[in-house]
Protein backbone atom coordinates (compact mmCIF):
# COMPACT_ATOMS: atom_id res chain seq x y z
CA MET A 1 15.89 -34.68 12.28
CA LEU A 2 18.09 -31.59 12.12
CA VAL A 3 17.67 -31.42 8.37
CA ALA A 4 13.88 -31.53 8.70
CA ALA A 5 13.94 -28.63 11.17
CA LEU A 6 16.14 -26.63 8.81
CA VAL A 7 13.86 -27.35 5.84
CA VAL A 8 10.79 -26.28 7.83
CA ALA A 9 12.52 -23.05 8.95
CA VAL A 10 13.55 -22.20 5.38
CA ALA A 11 10.07 -22.99 4.06
CA LEU A 12 8.45 -20.74 6.67
CA GLY A 13 10.92 -17.98 5.81
CA VAL A 14 10.08 -18.22 2.12
CA LEU A 15 6.34 -18.18 2.89
CA GLN A 16 6.80 -15.07 5.07
CA ILE A 17 8.58 -13.31 2.19
CA VAL A 18 5.80 -14.31 -0.22
CA LEU A 19 3.18 -13.04 2.25
CA ALA A 20 5.01 -9.70 2.63
CA SER A 21 5.23 -9.39 -1.16
CA HIS A 22 1.50 -10.06 -1.50
CA VAL A 23 0.66 -7.45 1.15
CA ARG A 24 2.90 -4.87 -0.55
CA SER A 25 1.39 -5.57 -3.98
CA THR A 26 -2.16 -5.29 -2.64
CA LEU A 27 -1.36 -2.08 -0.74
CA THR A 28 0.15 -0.60 -3.92
CA ALA A 29 -3.06 -1.37 -5.84
CA CYS A 30 -5.19 0.13 -3.05
CA ALA A 31 -3.00 3.25 -2.86
CA SER A 32 -3.22 3.72 -6.63
CA GLU A 33 -6.99 3.36 -6.51
CA GLY A 34 -7.20 5.90 -3.69
CA ALA A 35 -4.94 8.31 -5.61
CA ARG A 36 -7.21 8.10 -8.66
CA VAL A 37 -10.23 8.89 -6.47
CA ALA A 38 -8.38 11.79 -4.80
CA ALA A 39 -7.38 13.19 -8.20
CA VAL A 40 -10.99 13.63 -9.30
CA ALA A 41 -11.93 17.30 -8.90
CA ARG A 42 -15.27 16.68 -7.23
CA GLN A 43 -14.07 14.18 -4.62
CA GLY A 44 -10.79 15.34 -3.09
CA ASP A 45 -8.17 14.04 -0.68
CA ASP A 46 -10.48 12.74 2.04
CA ALA A 47 -12.42 10.55 -0.37
CA GLY A 48 -9.17 9.16 -1.81
CA ALA A 49 -7.75 8.36 1.63
CA ALA A 50 -11.03 6.73 2.68
CA ARG A 51 -11.14 4.63 -0.51
CA ALA A 52 -7.54 3.46 -0.09
CA ALA A 53 -8.13 2.50 3.57
CA ALA A 54 -11.39 0.71 2.72
CA CYS A 55 -9.70 -1.21 -0.08
CA ALA A 56 -6.90 -2.38 2.22
CA GLU A 57 -9.38 -3.29 4.94
CA SER A 58 -11.58 -5.34 2.61
CA SER A 59 -8.68 -6.96 0.74
CA LEU A 60 -6.30 -7.77 3.57
CA GLY A 61 -8.23 -7.22 6.78
CA ILE A 62 -5.68 -4.71 8.06
CA ALA A 63 -6.04 -1.02 8.83
CA PRO A 64 -3.13 0.90 7.29
CA THR A 65 -1.90 4.40 8.07
CA VAL A 66 -2.85 6.66 5.14
CA THR A 67 -0.98 9.81 4.13
CA VAL A 68 -1.94 12.12 1.25
CA GLU A 69 0.43 14.64 -0.31
CA HIS A 70 0.40 16.83 -3.39
CA LEU A 71 3.49 16.72 -5.57
CA PRO A 72 4.44 17.11 -9.21
CA VAL A 73 4.14 13.99 -11.36
CA GLY A 74 6.06 14.38 -14.58
CA GLY A 75 5.86 18.18 -14.37
CA ARG A 76 2.09 18.19 -13.75
CA ALA A 77 0.16 18.58 -10.53
CA GLY A 78 -0.48 15.25 -8.88
CA VAL A 79 -1.47 13.51 -5.68
CA ARG A 80 0.30 10.66 -3.90
CA ILE A 81 -1.31 8.34 -1.36
CA THR A 82 0.96 6.25 0.83
CA LEU A 83 -0.24 3.28 2.86
CA ASP A 84 1.83 1.94 5.76
CA ALA A 85 0.82 -1.32 7.44
CA SER A 86 2.28 -4.23 9.34
CA VAL A 87 2.68 -7.61 7.67
CA PRO A 88 0.85 -10.48 9.37
CA VAL A 89 3.20 -12.84 11.17
CA LEU A 90 3.41 -16.35 9.74
CA ALA A 91 6.06 -17.84 12.02
CA LEU A 92 7.94 -16.85 15.16
CA TRP A 93 9.67 -13.74 13.78
CA ASP A 94 8.26 -10.28 13.23
CA GLY A 95 6.58 -9.67 9.88
CA GLY A 96 7.75 -6.05 9.74
CA ARG A 97 6.09 -3.06 8.13
CA VAL A 98 5.35 -2.43 4.47
CA GLU A 99 4.94 0.95 2.79
CA ALA A 100 3.35 1.32 -0.63
CA GLY A 101 2.26 4.33 -2.63
CA GLY A 102 0.22 5.31 -5.63
CA ARG A 103 0.18 8.51 -7.70
CA ALA A 104 -2.29 10.15 -10.06
CA LEU A 105 -2.53 13.41 -11.99
CA LEU A 106 -4.98 15.95 -10.60
CA GLU A 107 -8.03 16.48 -12.78
CA GLY A 108 -8.40 19.94 -14.27
CA VAL A 109 -5.00 21.28 -13.10
CA ASP A 110 -2.37 22.00 -15.76
CA ASP A 111 0.60 23.26 -13.74
CA ALA A 112 2.57 21.63 -10.95
CA PRO A 113 2.39 23.34 -7.53
């Protein structure tokens, strides 16, 4: 009986880690997509942040915190979108928070800021 409880606890722990990894991977893809939208000259930061948040909402059903910053990417001007969200709880312990980011080069800008 004690062994069965231990096996169940370990299995739930492994599933929680897999769930957190899936959430992080999906948030990274959404942040990268938002960064590509923000990098387009005609759309801008607000459109990129909205796209990243909409992607996370439709993919995972969670509303992340979105931050947009401009920084050099390989010596060129770029944009980085970071998504921060909580991981859904699978068992009795806290799922924690996951942060993921995506970067893209700004369209039509040759020099870094």
